[in-house]
Each structure stands twice: as C-alpha cells, then as structure tokens.
Amino acid sequence: MIKAKTYEEILAEEDSIDLGSGACYKKSFDADGKWIAIDQYHKNSAGNLCCGWVPFQVESEHLTTRGPKWSVQSYEPLTMHPSLLCNCGHHGFIRNGRWEPC
C-alpha cells in the first residue's frame, strides 16, 4: 500500500517551489524538456493535500489538453493569469513567485 503524502512532505521535496500562503508547485515538462505546466499543491479546508495540474499557453506537440490554459507573464519569478480556482475552493493568483489568495 502506498502512503498518501502530506503537503509538508511535498513542500520538503527538492523540486518543490514554495509560493508562500500554504501553496507550492513543481514544474511539469514535456518529452522534449520544455516547461509546459505546473502541479500546484495546497491544503483543502479539511487540512488534506490537494493539487491541480495547470497547463500553460505554449506550443508543444505533447500538450494535448482541450481545457483551459494559463498565460505566463514571467517564468522567473513565476507570474500567471488568470487566477487558479481548485474544486476544493482554494483560489488565488501566482504573481512574482508568490501565492496571492483571492
């Protein structure tokens, strides 16, 4: 049986980037090594780990999602538009590498 990770365990991993305000992300790359999305992690209202995959508006033959894509104004520090709204209710912007709750 695989033990589910906690937010704190995800945050402690070497490839996690802390956004502050209880949010972090990991970069997601396509098969060619192009940064195409993030996996964004946070706690839901019950305190359990929740996450979402956030694809960028980029050209990649490997990015085939038909859903919404986010515009990246800056990769370093990360700034994206529009806001991110998780189905758990966690809602905010990533601006200047920081999580700004709505």
N, C-alpha and C. Protein backbone atom coordinates (compact mmCIF):
# COMPACT_ATOMS: atom_id res chain seq x y z
N MET A 1 0.84 -1.19 0.00
CA MET A 1 0.00 0.00 0.00
C MET A 1 0.88 1.24 0.00
N ILE A 2 0.55 2.19 -0.86
CA ILE A 2 1.30 3.44 -0.94
C ILE A 2 0.68 4.46 0.01
N LYS A 3 1.51 5.05 0.85
CA LYS A 3 1.05 6.06 1.80
C LYS A 3 0.87 7.39 1.08
N ALA A 4 -0.27 8.02 1.28
CA ALA A 4 -0.52 9.34 0.69
C ALA A 4 0.42 10.36 1.33
N LYS A 5 0.90 11.28 0.53
CA LYS A 5 1.79 12.31 1.04
C LYS A 5 1.00 13.45 1.66
N THR A 6 1.67 14.17 2.52
CA THR A 6 1.09 15.38 3.10
C THR A 6 1.64 16.59 2.35
N TYR A 7 1.01 17.74 2.56
CA TYR A 7 1.50 18.97 1.96
C TYR A 7 2.94 19.24 2.41
N GLU A 8 3.21 19.01 3.68
CA GLU A 8 4.55 19.27 4.22
C GLU A 8 5.60 18.37 3.56
N GLU A 9 5.24 17.12 3.26
CA GLU A 9 6.16 16.21 2.58
C GLU A 9 6.43 16.68 1.14
N ILE A 10 5.39 17.12 0.45
CA ILE A 10 5.56 17.64 -0.91
C ILE A 10 6.45 18.89 -0.88
N LEU A 11 6.18 19.81 0.04
CA LEU A 11 6.93 21.05 0.15
C LEU A 11 8.41 20.78 0.43
N ALA A 12 8.71 19.73 1.19
CA ALA A 12 10.09 19.41 1.55
C ALA A 12 10.88 18.77 0.40
N GLU A 13 10.20 18.33 -0.66
CA GLU A 13 10.90 17.70 -1.77
C GLU A 13 11.74 18.72 -2.53
N GLU A 14 12.88 18.26 -3.01
CA GLU A 14 13.88 19.14 -3.63
C GLU A 14 13.34 19.95 -4.80
N ASP A 15 12.40 19.39 -5.58
CA ASP A 15 11.90 20.09 -6.78
C ASP A 15 10.66 20.94 -6.51
N SER A 16 10.24 21.04 -5.25
CA SER A 16 9.09 21.89 -4.90
C SER A 16 9.52 23.34 -4.74
N ILE A 17 8.67 24.23 -5.22
CA ILE A 17 8.94 25.67 -5.11
C ILE A 17 7.84 26.29 -4.25
N ASP A 18 8.23 26.86 -3.13
CA ASP A 18 7.30 27.43 -2.16
C ASP A 18 6.78 28.78 -2.67
N LEU A 19 5.46 28.92 -2.73
CA LEU A 19 4.82 30.17 -3.13
C LEU A 19 4.39 31.01 -1.94
N GLY A 20 4.51 30.44 -0.73
CA GLY A 20 4.00 31.12 0.46
C GLY A 20 2.50 30.94 0.58
N SER A 21 1.94 31.37 1.69
CA SER A 21 0.50 31.30 1.95
C SER A 21 -0.06 29.88 1.78
N GLY A 22 0.77 28.87 2.08
CA GLY A 22 0.29 27.49 2.05
C GLY A 22 0.16 26.88 0.67
N ALA A 23 0.94 27.38 -0.30
CA ALA A 23 0.88 26.84 -1.65
C ALA A 23 2.31 26.63 -2.18
N CYS A 24 2.47 25.62 -3.02
CA CYS A 24 3.75 25.38 -3.68
C CYS A 24 3.47 24.75 -5.03
N TYR A 25 4.52 24.61 -5.85
CA TYR A 25 4.35 23.96 -7.14
C TYR A 25 5.60 23.19 -7.53
N LYS A 26 5.42 22.31 -8.50
CA LYS A 26 6.52 21.63 -9.16
C LYS A 26 6.36 21.87 -10.66
N LYS A 27 7.48 22.00 -11.35
CA LYS A 27 7.45 22.20 -12.79
C LYS A 27 7.11 20.89 -13.49
N SER A 28 6.34 20.99 -14.56
CA SER A 28 5.97 19.84 -15.39
C SER A 28 6.52 20.08 -16.80
N PHE A 29 7.27 19.10 -17.31
CA PHE A 29 7.94 19.24 -18.60
C PHE A 29 7.37 18.24 -19.61
N ASP A 30 7.44 18.61 -20.89
CA ASP A 30 7.04 17.67 -21.93
C ASP A 30 8.22 16.75 -22.26
N ALA A 31 8.02 15.85 -23.21
CA ALA A 31 9.05 14.87 -23.56
C ALA A 31 10.31 15.51 -24.13
N ASP A 32 10.19 16.75 -24.62
CA ASP A 32 11.34 17.47 -25.17
C ASP A 32 12.04 18.34 -24.13
N GLY A 33 11.56 18.31 -22.88
CA GLY A 33 12.17 19.09 -21.81
C GLY A 33 11.66 20.51 -21.70
N LYS A 34 10.59 20.84 -22.41
CA LYS A 34 10.01 22.19 -22.36
C LYS A 34 9.06 22.29 -21.16
N TRP A 35 9.20 23.39 -20.40
CA TRP A 35 8.32 23.63 -19.24
C TRP A 35 6.95 24.00 -19.77
N ILE A 36 5.94 23.13 -19.54
CA ILE A 36 4.61 23.32 -20.13
C ILE A 36 3.49 23.50 -19.12
N ALA A 37 3.77 23.27 -17.83
CA ALA A 37 2.70 23.31 -16.83
C ALA A 37 3.31 23.27 -15.43
N ILE A 38 2.45 23.44 -14.44
CA ILE A 38 2.85 23.22 -13.05
C ILE A 38 1.86 22.26 -12.40
N ASP A 39 2.34 21.56 -11.40
CA ASP A 39 1.50 20.83 -10.46
C ASP A 39 1.46 21.72 -9.23
N GLN A 40 0.30 22.26 -8.91
CA GLN A 40 0.16 23.21 -7.80
C GLN A 40 -0.44 22.46 -6.62
N TYR A 41 0.19 22.60 -5.43
CA TYR A 41 -0.21 21.86 -4.22
C TYR A 41 -0.62 22.85 -3.13
N HIS A 42 -1.60 22.43 -2.33
CA HIS A 42 -2.09 23.22 -1.21
C HIS A 42 -2.89 22.29 -0.30
N LYS A 43 -3.34 22.81 0.83
CA LYS A 43 -4.23 22.06 1.71
C LYS A 43 -5.67 22.49 1.44
N ASN A 44 -6.59 21.51 1.48
CA ASN A 44 -8.00 21.87 1.36
C ASN A 44 -8.52 22.30 2.73
N SER A 45 -9.80 22.63 2.83
CA SER A 45 -10.35 23.14 4.08
C SER A 45 -10.30 22.13 5.22
N ALA A 46 -10.18 20.84 4.90
CA ALA A 46 -10.05 19.80 5.92
C ALA A 46 -8.60 19.58 6.33
N GLY A 47 -7.67 20.30 5.67
CA GLY A 47 -6.26 20.17 6.00
C GLY A 47 -5.54 19.08 5.24
N ASN A 48 -6.21 18.47 4.27
CA ASN A 48 -5.61 17.40 3.48
C ASN A 48 -4.96 17.96 2.22
N LEU A 49 -3.97 17.22 1.70
CA LEU A 49 -3.29 17.63 0.48
C LEU A 49 -4.26 17.67 -0.69
N CYS A 50 -4.19 18.73 -1.47
CA CYS A 50 -4.99 18.87 -2.67
C CYS A 50 -4.05 19.42 -3.74
N CYS A 51 -4.29 19.07 -5.00
CA CYS A 51 -3.40 19.56 -6.05
C CYS A 51 -4.14 19.67 -7.37
N GLY A 52 -3.53 20.40 -8.27
CA GLY A 52 -4.10 20.55 -9.60
C GLY A 52 -3.00 20.74 -10.62
N TRP A 53 -3.26 20.28 -11.84
CA TRP A 53 -2.32 20.44 -12.95
C TRP A 53 -2.74 21.67 -13.73
N VAL A 54 -1.81 22.60 -13.95
CA VAL A 54 -2.11 23.88 -14.56
C VAL A 54 -1.27 24.03 -15.84
N PRO A 55 -1.86 23.76 -17.02
CA PRO A 55 -1.10 23.85 -18.27
C PRO A 55 -0.96 25.30 -18.75
N PHE A 56 0.18 25.57 -19.39
CA PHE A 56 0.47 26.90 -19.92
C PHE A 56 -0.02 27.02 -21.36
N GLN A 57 -0.19 28.26 -21.80
CA GLN A 57 -0.48 28.55 -23.21
C GLN A 57 0.85 28.56 -23.96
N VAL A 58 1.33 27.37 -24.31
CA VAL A 58 2.60 27.22 -25.03
C VAL A 58 2.40 26.24 -26.18
N GLU A 59 3.26 26.33 -27.16
CA GLU A 59 3.26 25.38 -28.27
C GLU A 59 4.05 24.15 -27.86
N SER A 60 3.39 22.99 -27.91
CA SER A 60 4.05 21.73 -27.61
C SER A 60 3.20 20.62 -28.20
N GLU A 61 3.82 19.79 -29.00
CA GLU A 61 3.06 18.68 -29.59
C GLU A 61 2.64 17.67 -28.53
N HIS A 62 3.23 17.77 -27.34
CA HIS A 62 2.92 16.85 -26.26
C HIS A 62 1.80 17.36 -25.34
N LEU A 63 1.43 18.63 -25.47
CA LEU A 63 0.38 19.24 -24.65
C LEU A 63 -0.92 19.17 -25.42
N THR A 64 -1.74 18.17 -25.12
CA THR A 64 -2.95 17.91 -25.91
C THR A 64 -4.23 18.22 -25.16
N THR A 65 -4.14 18.82 -23.99
CA THR A 65 -5.33 19.11 -23.21
C THR A 65 -6.24 20.09 -23.96
N ARG A 66 -7.53 19.86 -23.86
CA ARG A 66 -8.51 20.73 -24.52
C ARG A 66 -9.12 21.74 -23.55
N GLY A 67 -8.78 21.62 -22.29
CA GLY A 67 -9.31 22.51 -21.28
C GLY A 67 -8.60 23.85 -21.26
N PRO A 68 -8.86 24.64 -20.23
CA PRO A 68 -8.24 25.96 -20.14
C PRO A 68 -6.73 25.86 -19.98
N LYS A 69 -6.05 26.91 -20.45
CA LYS A 69 -4.60 27.03 -20.29
C LYS A 69 -4.32 28.42 -19.75
N TRP A 70 -3.24 28.53 -18.99
CA TRP A 70 -2.91 29.78 -18.34
C TRP A 70 -1.80 30.51 -19.07
N SER A 71 -1.92 31.82 -19.10
CA SER A 71 -0.91 32.69 -19.70
C SER A 71 0.19 32.96 -18.69
N VAL A 72 1.44 32.81 -19.12
CA VAL A 72 2.58 33.08 -18.25
C VAL A 72 3.18 34.42 -18.64
N GLN A 73 3.13 35.38 -17.73
CA GLN A 73 3.73 36.69 -17.98
C GLN A 73 5.22 36.67 -17.66
N SER A 74 5.62 35.82 -16.70
CA SER A 74 7.02 35.70 -16.30
C SER A 74 7.26 34.29 -15.78
N TYR A 75 8.36 33.69 -16.21
CA TYR A 75 8.72 32.36 -15.70
C TYR A 75 9.55 32.46 -14.43
N GLU A 76 10.36 33.49 -14.31
CA GLU A 76 11.20 33.68 -13.11
C GLU A 76 11.18 35.14 -12.72
N PRO A 77 10.52 35.52 -11.67
CA PRO A 77 9.64 34.68 -10.85
C PRO A 77 8.33 34.41 -11.58
N LEU A 78 7.72 33.29 -11.27
CA LEU A 78 6.51 32.87 -11.96
C LEU A 78 5.36 33.84 -11.72
N THR A 79 4.75 34.28 -12.81
CA THR A 79 3.55 35.12 -12.77
C THR A 79 2.61 34.59 -13.84
N MET A 80 1.39 34.23 -13.43
CA MET A 80 0.41 33.63 -14.34
C MET A 80 -0.91 34.37 -14.28
N HIS A 81 -1.68 34.22 -15.36
CA HIS A 81 -3.02 34.81 -15.43
C HIS A 81 -3.92 33.84 -16.18
N PRO A 82 -5.15 33.64 -15.84
CA PRO A 82 -5.89 34.26 -14.74
C PRO A 82 -5.62 33.54 -13.42
N SER A 83 -6.47 33.78 -12.44
CA SER A 83 -6.33 33.14 -11.13
C SER A 83 -6.56 31.63 -11.26
N LEU A 84 -6.15 30.92 -10.22
CA LEU A 84 -6.35 29.46 -10.15
C LEU A 84 -7.44 29.19 -9.12
N LEU A 85 -8.43 28.41 -9.50
CA LEU A 85 -9.52 28.04 -8.61
C LEU A 85 -9.63 26.53 -8.60
N CYS A 86 -9.34 25.93 -7.46
CA CYS A 86 -9.42 24.47 -7.30
C CYS A 86 -10.86 24.08 -6.97
N ASN A 87 -11.22 22.85 -7.28
CA ASN A 87 -12.58 22.40 -6.94
C ASN A 87 -12.79 22.29 -5.44
N CYS A 88 -11.71 22.38 -4.64
CA CYS A 88 -11.86 22.39 -3.18
C CYS A 88 -12.16 23.80 -2.65
N GLY A 89 -12.07 24.81 -3.55
CA GLY A 89 -12.34 26.19 -3.15
C GLY A 89 -11.10 27.05 -2.98
N HIS A 90 -9.93 26.44 -2.99
CA HIS A 90 -8.67 27.20 -2.88
C HIS A 90 -8.54 28.09 -4.12
N HIS A 91 -8.38 29.39 -3.92
CA HIS A 91 -8.46 30.34 -5.03
C HIS A 91 -7.42 31.43 -4.84
N GLY A 92 -6.65 31.71 -5.90
CA GLY A 92 -5.68 32.78 -5.82
C GLY A 92 -4.90 32.95 -7.10
N PHE A 93 -4.00 33.92 -7.09
CA PHE A 93 -3.12 34.22 -8.22
C PHE A 93 -1.70 33.81 -7.86
N ILE A 94 -0.91 33.49 -8.88
CA ILE A 94 0.54 33.38 -8.72
C ILE A 94 1.13 34.60 -9.39
N ARG A 95 1.71 35.48 -8.55
CA ARG A 95 2.30 36.72 -9.03
C ARG A 95 3.66 36.89 -8.39
N ASN A 96 4.66 37.18 -9.21
CA ASN A 96 6.02 37.41 -8.71
C ASN A 96 6.51 36.26 -7.82
N GLY A 97 6.15 35.04 -8.19
CA GLY A 97 6.60 33.87 -7.45
C GLY A 97 5.93 33.67 -6.11
N ARG A 98 4.82 34.35 -5.87
CA ARG A 98 4.10 34.25 -4.59
C ARG A 98 2.64 33.93 -4.84
N TRP A 99 2.01 33.23 -3.89
CA TRP A 99 0.59 32.95 -3.93
C TRP A 99 -0.16 34.13 -3.30
N GLU A 100 -1.10 34.69 -4.05
CA GLU A 100 -1.92 35.78 -3.54
C GLU A 100 -3.36 35.28 -3.47
N PRO A 101 -3.83 34.95 -2.24
CA PRO A 101 -5.20 34.44 -2.11
C PRO A 101 -6.23 35.46 -2.57
N CYS A 102 -7.32 34.96 -3.14
CA CYS A 102 -8.44 35.83 -3.53
C CYS A 102 -9.42 35.94 -2.39
